[in-house]
């Protein structure tokens, strides 16, 4: 396997071949059966250091030039969609991309897409205090607040950590709390 890409930031077992990166981008789009933004693709492949950021963007550009994917500007980000021209045979994927890389990429995609959905449906409010902050997490269902909980954090760096963890685990927090309160 030729190594024709930058390898900075790639974990052991990650992709170092431009053709493999292009194949993985198409695989993600086909498997998820939805369009992704360029930002989402970069975040997905960066989640487990699967591929170098610059190489991913180069691969996307090459796929657009070859008309294997299309690009459309939506809300300030490039929405990427697979085309019929990008038919991917399972044999090529299995020969080129290790199963662990495929699974990590799909798991990262599902995690990131769920986090984005929760971010749209939830609110986080930060209130500065004399010493520290109150961070209020609100889980919404359309217009109804399902859960509103406030926690104390000591400094600004903790705010980002608890916000990210809330977005990753909001459904678990909500369902665990409801279970704990309703089980006799």
Protein backbone atom coordinates (compact mmCIF):
# COMPACT_ATOMS: atom_id res chain seq x y z
CA UNK A 1 0.00 0.00 0.00
CA UNK A 2 1.54 3.28 -1.09
CA UNK A 3 1.85 5.99 1.53
CA UNK A 4 1.21 9.16 -0.45
CA UNK A 5 -0.27 11.37 2.26
CA UNK A 6 0.85 13.46 5.19
CA UNK A 7 0.85 11.28 8.28
CA UNK A 8 0.77 13.99 10.96
CA UNK A 9 -1.95 13.26 13.52
CA UNK A 10 -2.79 9.78 12.22
CA UNK A 11 -3.06 7.02 14.82
CA UNK A 12 -1.44 3.62 14.22
CA UNK A 13 -3.69 1.73 11.81
CA UNK A 14 -5.05 4.99 10.35
CA UNK A 15 -5.22 5.71 6.63
CA UNK A 16 -2.14 7.04 4.86
CA UNK A 17 -3.17 6.36 1.26
CA UNK A 18 -5.25 9.03 -0.57
CA UNK A 19 -7.23 6.38 -2.47
CA UNK A 20 -8.21 4.72 0.83
CA UNK A 21 -9.29 8.06 2.30
CA UNK A 22 -11.48 8.72 -0.75
CA UNK A 23 -12.94 5.24 -0.46
CA UNK A 24 -13.69 5.77 3.23
CA UNK A 25 -15.40 9.12 2.57
CA UNK A 26 -17.66 7.45 0.00
CA UNK A 27 -18.22 4.49 2.35
CA UNK A 28 -19.37 6.85 5.13
CA UNK A 29 -21.80 8.67 2.86
CA UNK A 30 -23.18 5.42 1.43
CA UNK A 31 -23.44 3.59 4.77
CA UNK A 32 -25.03 6.47 6.66
CA UNK A 33 -27.42 7.08 3.73
CA UNK A 34 -27.25 10.82 4.27
CA UNK A 35 -25.28 13.84 3.21
CA UNK A 36 -22.63 15.17 5.57
CA UNK A 37 -20.96 18.54 5.78
CA UNK A 38 -17.25 18.85 5.11
CA UNK A 39 -16.89 19.81 8.79
CA UNK A 40 -18.67 16.64 9.91
CA UNK A 41 -16.51 14.43 7.68
CA UNK A 42 -13.36 16.03 9.10
CA UNK A 43 -14.63 15.63 12.65
CA UNK A 44 -15.59 11.99 12.05
CA UNK A 45 -12.21 11.04 10.60
CA UNK A 46 -10.42 13.14 13.21
CA UNK A 47 -12.32 11.60 16.17
CA UNK A 48 -9.98 8.58 16.26
CA UNK A 49 -7.16 10.11 14.19
CA UNK A 50 -8.13 7.97 11.19
CA UNK A 51 -6.81 10.41 8.56
CA UNK A 52 -4.97 13.71 8.33
CA UNK A 53 -7.24 16.79 8.09
CA UNK A 54 -5.46 18.16 5.02
CA UNK A 55 -5.55 14.81 3.25
CA UNK A 56 -9.26 14.39 3.97
CA UNK A 57 -9.95 17.79 2.39
CA UNK A 58 -7.75 16.91 -0.58
CA UNK A 59 -9.62 13.62 -0.99
CA UNK A 60 -12.98 15.42 -0.87
CA UNK A 61 -11.80 17.89 -3.53
CA UNK A 62 -10.64 15.05 -5.78
CA UNK A 63 -13.96 13.22 -5.34
CA UNK A 64 -15.84 16.41 -6.29
CA UNK A 65 -13.64 16.87 -9.38
CA UNK A 66 -14.30 13.26 -10.38
CA UNK A 67 -18.05 13.82 -9.83
CA UNK A 68 -18.19 10.94 -7.33
CA UNK A 69 -19.60 13.31 -4.74
CA UNK A 70 -21.36 16.66 -5.05
CA UNK A 71 -20.89 19.78 -2.99
CA UNK A 72 -23.48 22.41 -2.10
CA UNK A 73 -23.09 25.38 0.25
CA UNK A 74 -25.67 25.16 3.07
CA UNK A 75 -25.65 27.44 6.13
CA UNK A 76 -22.03 28.39 5.52
CA UNK A 77 -20.74 24.81 5.27
CA UNK A 78 -20.24 22.52 2.32
CA UNK A 79 -22.83 19.72 2.20
CA UNK A 80 -21.35 16.60 0.60
CA UNK A 81 -23.55 14.01 -1.15
CA UNK A 82 -22.50 10.76 -2.82
CA UNK A 83 -23.42 10.33 -6.50
CA UNK A 84 -24.35 7.21 -8.44
CA UNK A 85 -20.91 7.43 -10.08
CA UNK A 86 -19.29 6.51 -6.73
CA UNK A 87 -20.47 2.92 -6.63
CA UNK A 88 -18.34 1.14 -4.07
CA UNK A 89 -17.88 -2.58 -4.10
CA UNK A 90 -17.73 -4.24 -0.71
CA UNK A 91 -14.69 -6.20 -1.85
CA UNK A 92 -12.68 -3.01 -2.44
CA UNK A 93 -13.58 -1.67 0.98
CA UNK A 94 -12.71 -4.93 2.74
CA UNK A 95 -9.39 -5.23 0.88
CA UNK A 96 -8.36 -1.59 1.33
CA UNK A 97 -9.78 -0.40 4.63
CA UNK A 98 -9.38 -2.43 7.82
CA UNK A 99 -12.62 -3.37 9.58
CA UNK A 100 -11.47 -1.53 12.72
CA UNK A 101 -11.11 1.72 10.75
CA UNK A 102 -14.53 1.28 9.13
CA UNK A 103 -16.16 0.57 12.50
CA UNK A 104 -14.39 3.45 14.26
CA UNK A 105 -15.47 5.82 11.50
CA UNK A 106 -19.13 4.75 11.57
CA UNK A 107 -19.20 4.86 15.40
CA UNK A 108 -17.64 8.33 15.37
CA UNK A 109 -20.18 9.45 12.76
CA UNK A 110 -23.13 8.21 14.80
CA UNK A 111 -21.75 9.84 17.96
CA UNK A 112 -21.13 13.18 16.25
CA UNK A 113 -24.50 13.22 14.49
CA UNK A 114 -26.28 12.41 17.76
CA UNK A 115 -24.33 15.15 19.56
CA UNK A 116 -25.37 17.66 16.89
CA UNK A 117 -29.01 16.61 17.18
CA UNK A 118 -28.93 17.00 20.97
CA UNK A 119 -27.25 20.41 20.61
CA UNK A 120 -30.15 21.56 18.41
CA UNK A 121 -32.77 20.22 20.82
CA UNK A 122 -31.12 21.27 24.09
CA UNK A 123 -29.90 24.42 25.74
CA UNK A 124 -26.95 25.17 27.98
CA UNK A 125 -26.89 28.37 30.00
CA UNK A 126 -23.84 29.61 31.92
CA UNK A 127 -24.20 32.00 34.85
CA UNK A 128 -21.01 33.50 36.29
CA UNK A 129 -20.82 33.51 40.08
CA UNK A 130 -18.43 35.27 42.43
CA UNK A 131 -16.42 32.04 42.60
CA UNK A 132 -17.12 29.69 39.70
CA UNK A 133 -20.13 29.21 37.47
CA UNK A 134 -23.58 27.66 37.40
CA UNK A 135 -24.16 25.64 34.25
CA UNK A 136 -27.81 24.87 33.51
CA UNK A 137 -28.66 22.04 31.12
CA UNK A 138 -32.11 22.01 29.54
CA UNK A 139 -33.40 19.01 27.60
CA UNK A 140 -36.18 20.10 25.25
CA UNK A 141 -38.95 18.34 23.35
CA UNK A 142 -40.09 20.89 20.76
CA UNK A 143 -41.30 23.71 23.08
CA UNK A 144 -41.45 21.74 26.35
CA UNK A 145 -38.65 21.55 28.89
CA UNK A 146 -38.27 17.88 29.82
CA UNK A 147 -35.38 18.40 32.21
CA UNK A 148 -33.63 21.41 33.67
CA UNK A 149 -30.67 20.83 35.94
CA UNK A 150 -28.04 23.23 37.24
CA UNK A 151 -24.56 22.23 38.38
CA UNK A 152 -21.69 24.21 39.86
CA UNK A 153 -18.30 24.24 38.14
CA UNK A 154 -15.18 25.89 39.50
CA UNK A 155 -13.64 27.37 36.36
CA UNK A 156 -14.14 28.13 32.68
CA UNK A 157 -12.24 25.06 31.48
CA UNK A 158 -14.74 22.81 33.26
CA UNK A 159 -17.63 24.54 31.46
CA UNK A 160 -16.54 23.22 28.07
CA UNK A 161 -15.91 19.73 29.48
CA UNK A 162 -19.35 19.42 31.12
CA UNK A 163 -21.08 20.93 28.07
CA UNK A 164 -19.44 18.42 25.72
CA UNK A 165 -20.22 15.51 28.04
CA UNK A 166 -23.82 16.71 28.40
CA UNK A 167 -24.25 16.83 24.63
CA UNK A 168 -22.74 13.33 24.35
CA UNK A 169 -24.84 11.89 27.19
CA UNK A 170 -28.01 14.00 27.49
CA UNK A 171 -30.36 11.14 26.65
CA UNK A 172 -28.61 8.82 29.11
CA UNK A 173 -28.73 11.48 31.85
CA UNK A 174 -32.42 12.11 31.23
CA UNK A 175 -33.47 8.45 31.04
CA UNK A 176 -31.32 7.43 34.05
CA UNK A 177 -32.77 10.26 36.14
CA UNK A 178 -36.36 9.38 35.16
CA UNK A 179 -35.68 5.71 35.96
CA UNK A 180 -34.15 6.57 39.32
CA UNK A 181 -37.12 8.78 40.23
CA UNK A 182 -39.90 6.48 39.05
CA UNK A 183 -38.72 3.03 40.14
CA UNK A 184 -39.98 1.94 43.56
